[in-house]
Amino acid sequence: MRITVHLDTFNCSEPSTYAILWLDTHARKWSREGHAGIDLPEWGRYSCASGNTRIAGQHGGASQCVLEGLDLSASAGPFEGESGRALWHPCAPHAAVQGQWHVQCIDETVEPPESSVFADDEFVPDNPFGLT
C-alpha cells in the first residue's frame, strides 16, 4: 500500500511551508514528492510506535518529523482525509515546529512502482515465484 500524506500549516515565518510524502507500507520507506520551506531529505525510513509515525532519514537516526496519530501498524489502517498534528524537527536542540498532516490518497495496489527513488531499493514480491 502507498499512502500520500500532505504536511502543512506549520507555525513558522514562511506561511506556505508544506511537504508531500509518499509512504510505502511494504518497504517501510518514504519519499518527498514536493516541498517548500521544509527541509526534509529526498527519502528515508519510517517507524510506528505508540500510535505515531516517525519519519527519519535514509539511515534512520533521529526523527525528522513525527505524525501524531497516524498509526500505520493498526489493522484498520489510515483513511483518506484522516488528519492530525505533525511535529517537524528542523534543528535538533530546538523545540519542534507544529503543523498538520492529512492523508490525501491511499493506493492499495500491490504492483511495484515503475521507478523508485530509494537508492537501496530491492523489491521482493510476497510470492516471487508465482506459486499458488
N, C-alpha and C. Protein backbone atom coordinates (compact mmCIF):
# COMPACT_ATOMS: atom_id res chain seq x y z
N MET A 1 0.85 -1.17 0.00
CA MET A 1 0.00 0.00 0.00
C MET A 1 0.89 1.24 0.00
N ARG A 2 0.45 2.24 -0.75
CA ARG A 2 1.17 3.50 -0.80
C ARG A 2 0.23 4.61 -0.36
N ILE A 3 0.73 5.44 0.54
CA ILE A 3 -0.10 6.49 1.14
C ILE A 3 0.55 7.84 0.87
N THR A 4 -0.23 8.79 0.37
CA THR A 4 0.26 10.15 0.16
C THR A 4 -0.22 11.01 1.32
N VAL A 5 0.73 11.64 2.01
CA VAL A 5 0.43 12.47 3.18
C VAL A 5 0.90 13.89 2.90
N HIS A 6 0.04 14.85 3.17
CA HIS A 6 0.35 16.27 2.98
C HIS A 6 0.61 16.89 4.35
N LEU A 7 1.75 17.54 4.51
CA LEU A 7 2.11 18.25 5.75
C LEU A 7 2.03 19.74 5.46
N ASP A 8 1.35 20.48 6.35
CA ASP A 8 1.27 21.92 6.14
C ASP A 8 0.85 22.64 7.42
N THR A 9 0.52 23.90 7.30
CA THR A 9 0.12 24.82 8.39
C THR A 9 1.11 24.81 9.55
N PHE A 10 2.39 24.86 9.22
CA PHE A 10 3.42 24.93 10.25
C PHE A 10 3.52 26.34 10.81
N ASN A 11 3.78 26.44 12.10
CA ASN A 11 3.95 27.73 12.77
C ASN A 11 5.37 28.23 12.51
N CYS A 12 5.59 28.82 11.34
CA CYS A 12 6.91 29.36 11.03
C CYS A 12 6.76 30.63 10.19
N SER A 13 7.87 31.29 9.94
CA SER A 13 7.82 32.59 9.27
C SER A 13 7.32 32.50 7.83
N GLU A 14 7.53 31.39 7.17
CA GLU A 14 7.07 31.20 5.79
C GLU A 14 5.70 30.51 5.82
N PRO A 15 4.61 31.24 5.53
CA PRO A 15 3.26 30.68 5.67
C PRO A 15 2.93 29.55 4.70
N SER A 16 3.64 29.44 3.58
CA SER A 16 3.32 28.40 2.60
C SER A 16 4.21 27.16 2.75
N THR A 17 4.75 26.93 3.93
CA THR A 17 5.58 25.76 4.17
C THR A 17 4.74 24.49 4.07
N TYR A 18 5.21 23.54 3.26
CA TYR A 18 4.49 22.27 3.12
C TYR A 18 5.44 21.19 2.64
N ALA A 19 5.01 19.95 2.74
CA ALA A 19 5.72 18.81 2.16
C ALA A 19 4.67 17.75 1.84
N ILE A 20 4.90 17.06 0.76
CA ILE A 20 4.06 15.92 0.39
C ILE A 20 4.94 14.69 0.45
N LEU A 21 4.53 13.73 1.28
CA LEU A 21 5.30 12.50 1.45
C LEU A 21 4.53 11.32 0.90
N TRP A 22 5.24 10.41 0.31
CA TRP A 22 4.68 9.17 -0.21
C TRP A 22 5.22 8.06 0.68
N LEU A 23 4.35 7.37 1.39
CA LEU A 23 4.75 6.31 2.32
C LEU A 23 4.48 4.95 1.70
N ASP A 24 5.50 4.11 1.62
CA ASP A 24 5.37 2.76 1.08
C ASP A 24 5.31 1.81 2.27
N THR A 25 4.13 1.25 2.54
CA THR A 25 3.97 0.40 3.72
C THR A 25 4.64 -0.96 3.56
N HIS A 26 4.90 -1.39 2.32
CA HIS A 26 5.60 -2.66 2.10
C HIS A 26 7.09 -2.52 2.43
N ALA A 27 7.70 -1.46 1.90
CA ALA A 27 9.14 -1.24 2.11
C ALA A 27 9.43 -0.50 3.42
N ARG A 28 8.40 0.09 4.06
CA ARG A 28 8.55 0.91 5.27
C ARG A 28 9.51 2.07 5.03
N LYS A 29 9.36 2.68 3.84
CA LYS A 29 10.16 3.83 3.45
C LYS A 29 9.23 4.94 2.99
N TRP A 30 9.76 6.15 2.90
CA TRP A 30 9.00 7.30 2.44
C TRP A 30 9.85 8.07 1.44
N SER A 31 9.19 8.84 0.59
CA SER A 31 9.90 9.76 -0.30
C SER A 31 9.19 11.10 -0.27
N ARG A 32 9.97 12.14 -0.50
CA ARG A 32 9.44 13.51 -0.53
C ARG A 32 9.05 13.81 -1.97
N GLU A 33 7.78 14.03 -2.21
CA GLU A 33 7.28 14.25 -3.57
C GLU A 33 7.17 15.72 -3.93
N GLY A 34 7.13 16.58 -2.96
CA GLY A 34 7.07 18.01 -3.19
C GLY A 34 7.29 18.71 -1.87
N HIS A 35 7.81 19.91 -1.89
CA HIS A 35 8.04 20.64 -0.65
C HIS A 35 8.38 22.10 -0.93
N ALA A 36 8.17 22.92 0.09
CA ALA A 36 8.59 24.32 0.08
C ALA A 36 8.74 24.76 1.53
N GLY A 37 9.89 25.30 1.84
CA GLY A 37 10.12 25.84 3.18
C GLY A 37 10.38 24.81 4.26
N ILE A 38 10.34 23.53 3.94
CA ILE A 38 10.60 22.47 4.91
C ILE A 38 11.74 21.62 4.36
N ASP A 39 12.78 21.48 5.15
CA ASP A 39 13.98 20.78 4.71
C ASP A 39 13.94 19.33 5.17
N LEU A 40 13.48 18.46 4.30
CA LEU A 40 13.49 17.02 4.55
C LEU A 40 14.32 16.36 3.46
N PRO A 41 14.99 15.24 3.78
CA PRO A 41 15.74 14.54 2.74
C PRO A 41 14.79 14.04 1.63
N GLU A 42 15.35 13.58 0.51
CA GLU A 42 14.52 13.08 -0.58
C GLU A 42 13.76 11.83 -0.18
N TRP A 43 14.34 11.01 0.66
CA TRP A 43 13.68 9.79 1.11
C TRP A 43 14.30 9.33 2.42
N GLY A 44 13.64 8.35 3.02
CA GLY A 44 14.14 7.79 4.27
C GLY A 44 13.28 6.63 4.72
N ARG A 45 13.39 6.32 5.97
CA ARG A 45 12.65 5.21 6.56
C ARG A 45 11.68 5.77 7.60
N TYR A 46 10.64 5.00 7.88
CA TYR A 46 9.73 5.41 8.94
C TYR A 46 9.50 4.26 9.88
N SER A 47 9.07 4.59 11.09
CA SER A 47 8.73 3.59 12.09
C SER A 47 7.44 4.01 12.77
N CYS A 48 6.75 3.04 13.32
CA CYS A 48 5.50 3.31 14.03
C CYS A 48 5.65 2.87 15.48
N ALA A 49 5.26 3.74 16.38
CA ALA A 49 5.30 3.42 17.81
C ALA A 49 4.28 4.27 18.54
N SER A 50 3.60 3.67 19.47
CA SER A 50 2.62 4.38 20.31
C SER A 50 1.57 5.14 19.50
N GLY A 51 1.17 4.59 18.36
CA GLY A 51 0.14 5.23 17.54
C GLY A 51 0.62 6.39 16.69
N ASN A 52 1.93 6.59 16.59
CA ASN A 52 2.51 7.68 15.81
C ASN A 52 3.44 7.11 14.74
N THR A 53 3.65 7.89 13.68
CA THR A 53 4.61 7.52 12.64
C THR A 53 5.78 8.49 12.72
N ARG A 54 6.97 7.93 12.84
CA ARG A 54 8.19 8.74 12.94
C ARG A 54 8.95 8.67 11.62
N ILE A 55 9.16 9.84 11.01
CA ILE A 55 9.84 9.97 9.73
C ILE A 55 11.31 10.25 10.02
N ALA A 56 12.19 9.38 9.52
CA ALA A 56 13.63 9.54 9.73
C ALA A 56 14.34 9.57 8.38
N GLY A 57 15.63 9.87 8.40
CA GLY A 57 16.42 9.90 7.18
C GLY A 57 16.72 8.51 6.65
N GLN A 58 17.53 8.45 5.62
CA GLN A 58 17.84 7.19 4.94
C GLN A 58 18.48 6.15 5.86
N HIS A 59 19.26 6.60 6.80
CA HIS A 59 19.96 5.68 7.68
C HIS A 59 19.35 5.61 9.07
N GLY A 60 18.10 6.04 9.19
CA GLY A 60 17.44 6.04 10.49
C GLY A 60 17.89 7.23 11.30
N GLY A 61 18.15 7.02 12.57
CA GLY A 61 18.58 8.11 13.44
C GLY A 61 17.41 8.88 14.00
N ALA A 62 17.67 10.14 14.34
CA ALA A 62 16.65 11.00 14.95
C ALA A 62 15.50 11.26 13.98
N SER A 63 14.32 11.44 14.53
CA SER A 63 13.14 11.72 13.71
C SER A 63 13.24 13.10 13.08
N GLN A 64 12.93 13.18 11.80
CA GLN A 64 12.83 14.44 11.09
C GLN A 64 11.46 15.07 11.36
N CYS A 65 10.47 14.19 11.51
CA CYS A 65 9.10 14.62 11.69
C CYS A 65 8.33 13.50 12.37
N VAL A 66 7.37 13.86 13.22
CA VAL A 66 6.51 12.87 13.87
C VAL A 66 5.07 13.20 13.48
N LEU A 67 4.38 12.20 12.95
CA LEU A 67 2.99 12.36 12.55
C LEU A 67 2.14 11.72 13.64
N GLU A 68 1.69 12.56 14.56
CA GLU A 68 0.95 12.07 15.72
C GLU A 68 -0.41 11.51 15.30
N GLY A 69 -0.71 10.32 15.76
CA GLY A 69 -2.00 9.69 15.48
C GLY A 69 -2.07 8.95 14.16
N LEU A 70 -1.02 9.02 13.33
CA LEU A 70 -1.00 8.25 12.09
C LEU A 70 -0.36 6.90 12.41
N ASP A 71 -1.20 5.91 12.67
CA ASP A 71 -0.73 4.59 13.09
C ASP A 71 -0.79 3.63 11.90
N LEU A 72 0.33 3.50 11.19
CA LEU A 72 0.37 2.64 10.02
C LEU A 72 0.46 1.16 10.39
N SER A 73 0.65 0.87 11.67
CA SER A 73 0.69 -0.53 12.10
C SER A 73 -0.67 -1.02 12.58
N ALA A 74 -1.66 -0.14 12.64
CA ALA A 74 -3.01 -0.52 13.09
C ALA A 74 -3.69 -1.38 12.02
N SER A 75 -4.47 -2.35 12.45
CA SER A 75 -5.13 -3.24 11.50
C SER A 75 -6.15 -2.50 10.63
N ALA A 76 -6.80 -1.48 11.17
CA ALA A 76 -7.79 -0.72 10.40
C ALA A 76 -7.12 0.16 9.35
N GLY A 77 -5.88 0.57 9.60
CA GLY A 77 -5.15 1.39 8.66
C GLY A 77 -5.68 2.80 8.55
N PRO A 78 -4.96 3.69 7.88
CA PRO A 78 -5.43 5.06 7.73
C PRO A 78 -6.54 5.14 6.68
N PHE A 79 -7.21 6.28 6.62
CA PHE A 79 -8.24 6.51 5.61
C PHE A 79 -8.02 7.88 4.98
N GLU A 80 -8.46 8.03 3.75
CA GLU A 80 -8.32 9.31 3.05
C GLU A 80 -9.06 10.39 3.83
N GLY A 81 -8.39 11.51 4.04
CA GLY A 81 -8.96 12.62 4.79
C GLY A 81 -8.59 12.61 6.26
N GLU A 82 -8.05 11.50 6.76
CA GLU A 82 -7.62 11.44 8.17
C GLU A 82 -6.56 12.51 8.39
N SER A 83 -6.54 13.11 9.58
CA SER A 83 -5.59 14.19 9.84
C SER A 83 -5.14 14.18 11.29
N GLY A 84 -4.08 14.93 11.56
CA GLY A 84 -3.55 15.03 12.90
C GLY A 84 -2.43 16.05 12.97
N ARG A 85 -1.77 16.09 14.11
CA ARG A 85 -0.69 17.05 14.33
C ARG A 85 0.64 16.48 13.83
N ALA A 86 1.40 17.34 13.15
CA ALA A 86 2.75 16.99 12.69
C ALA A 86 3.75 17.81 13.49
N LEU A 87 4.81 17.17 13.94
CA LEU A 87 5.89 17.85 14.65
C LEU A 87 7.16 17.73 13.80
N TRP A 88 7.59 18.86 13.24
CA TRP A 88 8.78 18.89 12.39
C TRP A 88 9.96 19.32 13.25
N HIS A 89 11.07 18.62 13.14
CA HIS A 89 12.27 18.89 13.93
C HIS A 89 13.38 19.43 13.03
N PRO A 90 13.35 20.73 12.69
CA PRO A 90 14.36 21.27 11.78
C PRO A 90 15.74 21.39 12.42
N CYS A 91 15.81 21.62 13.72
CA CYS A 91 17.08 21.78 14.42
C CYS A 91 17.01 20.97 15.71
N ALA A 92 17.94 20.03 15.86
CA ALA A 92 17.90 19.08 16.98
C ALA A 92 17.75 19.71 18.37
N PRO A 93 18.51 20.73 18.75
CA PRO A 93 18.38 21.20 20.12
C PRO A 93 17.14 22.06 20.37
N HIS A 94 16.48 22.51 19.32
CA HIS A 94 15.32 23.40 19.46
C HIS A 94 14.02 22.62 19.48
N ALA A 95 12.98 23.26 19.96
CA ALA A 95 11.66 22.62 20.02
C ALA A 95 11.13 22.36 18.61
N ALA A 96 10.25 21.38 18.52
CA ALA A 96 9.64 21.03 17.24
C ALA A 96 8.70 22.14 16.78
N VAL A 97 8.55 22.26 15.47
CA VAL A 97 7.62 23.20 14.87
C VAL A 97 6.33 22.43 14.60
N GLN A 98 5.20 22.96 15.09
CA GLN A 98 3.93 22.26 14.95
C GLN A 98 3.24 22.59 13.63
N GLY A 99 2.62 21.58 13.07
CA GLY A 99 1.84 21.72 11.85
C GLY A 99 0.77 20.66 11.82
N GLN A 100 0.26 20.38 10.66
CA GLN A 100 -0.79 19.38 10.48
C GLN A 100 -0.40 18.40 9.37
N TRP A 101 -0.89 17.19 9.45
CA TRP A 101 -0.78 16.22 8.37
C TRP A 101 -2.19 15.78 8.00
N HIS A 102 -2.36 15.40 6.75
CA HIS A 102 -3.61 14.75 6.37
C HIS A 102 -3.34 13.79 5.21
N VAL A 103 -4.06 12.68 5.22
CA VAL A 103 -3.92 11.67 4.19
C VAL A 103 -4.67 12.14 2.96
N GLN A 104 -3.92 12.31 1.86
CA GLN A 104 -4.51 12.76 0.60
C GLN A 104 -5.03 11.60 -0.21
N CYS A 105 -4.26 10.51 -0.26
CA CYS A 105 -4.60 9.41 -1.16
C CYS A 105 -4.06 8.10 -0.61
N ILE A 106 -4.80 7.03 -0.83
CA ILE A 106 -4.33 5.68 -0.48
C ILE A 106 -4.42 4.83 -1.73
N ASP A 107 -3.29 4.27 -2.14
CA ASP A 107 -3.21 3.40 -3.31
C ASP A 107 -2.96 1.99 -2.80
N GLU A 108 -3.93 1.12 -2.96
CA GLU A 108 -3.82 -0.24 -2.41
C GLU A 108 -3.28 -1.25 -3.41
N THR A 109 -2.71 -0.79 -4.53
CA THR A 109 -2.15 -1.73 -5.49
C THR A 109 -0.94 -2.43 -4.90
N VAL A 110 -0.70 -3.64 -5.36
CA VAL A 110 0.43 -4.41 -4.84
C VAL A 110 1.56 -4.51 -5.85
N GLU A 111 1.38 -3.91 -7.01
CA GLU A 111 2.42 -3.92 -8.03
C GLU A 111 3.57 -3.02 -7.60
N PRO A 112 4.80 -3.39 -7.95
CA PRO A 112 5.93 -2.50 -7.63
C PRO A 112 5.83 -1.23 -8.47
N PRO A 113 6.32 -0.10 -7.94
CA PRO A 113 6.27 1.14 -8.71
C PRO A 113 7.13 1.04 -9.96
N GLU A 114 6.78 1.82 -10.99
CA GLU A 114 7.52 1.80 -12.24
C GLU A 114 8.98 2.19 -12.03
N SER A 115 9.21 3.18 -11.18
CA SER A 115 10.57 3.57 -10.83
C SER A 115 10.57 3.93 -9.35
N SER A 116 11.73 3.85 -8.74
CA SER A 116 11.81 4.09 -7.31
C SER A 116 12.88 5.11 -7.00
N VAL A 117 12.63 5.97 -6.03
CA VAL A 117 13.62 6.96 -5.62
C VAL A 117 14.54 6.41 -4.54
N PHE A 118 14.25 5.22 -4.04
CA PHE A 118 15.05 4.66 -2.96
C PHE A 118 16.34 4.07 -3.52
N ALA A 119 17.47 4.62 -3.10
CA ALA A 119 18.75 4.20 -3.63
C ALA A 119 19.06 2.74 -3.32
N ASP A 120 18.60 2.23 -2.21
CA ASP A 120 18.90 0.84 -1.84
C ASP A 120 17.72 -0.08 -2.09
N ASP A 121 16.82 0.32 -2.99
CA ASP A 121 15.57 -0.41 -3.19
C ASP A 121 15.77 -1.78 -3.80
N GLU A 122 15.23 -2.76 -3.15
CA GLU A 122 15.17 -4.11 -3.68
C GLU A 122 13.77 -4.60 -3.42
N PHE A 123 12.92 -4.59 -4.44
CA PHE A 123 11.55 -5.04 -4.26
C PHE A 123 11.51 -6.55 -4.36
N VAL A 124 10.98 -7.19 -3.35
CA VAL A 124 10.80 -8.63 -3.35
C VAL A 124 9.32 -8.89 -3.19
N PRO A 125 8.66 -9.40 -4.23
CA PRO A 125 7.22 -9.63 -4.10
C PRO A 125 6.93 -10.68 -3.04
N ASP A 126 5.69 -10.62 -2.49
CA ASP A 126 5.30 -11.57 -1.47
C ASP A 126 5.36 -13.01 -1.98
N ASN A 127 5.13 -13.22 -3.26
CA ASN A 127 5.14 -14.55 -3.85
C ASN A 127 6.04 -14.48 -5.10
N PRO A 128 7.39 -14.49 -4.92
CA PRO A 128 8.30 -14.22 -6.03
C PRO A 128 8.24 -15.24 -7.16
N PHE A 129 7.76 -16.45 -6.92
CA PHE A 129 7.75 -17.48 -7.95
C PHE A 129 6.35 -17.71 -8.53
N GLY A 130 5.37 -16.93 -8.09
CA GLY A 130 4.02 -17.04 -8.61
C GLY A 130 3.31 -18.32 -8.22
N LEU A 131 3.72 -18.93 -7.13
CA LEU A 131 3.11 -20.17 -6.67
C LEU A 131 1.77 -19.91 -6.02
N THR A 132 0.82 -20.77 -6.25
CA THR A 132 -0.49 -20.63 -5.61
C THR A 132 -0.81 -21.83 -4.77
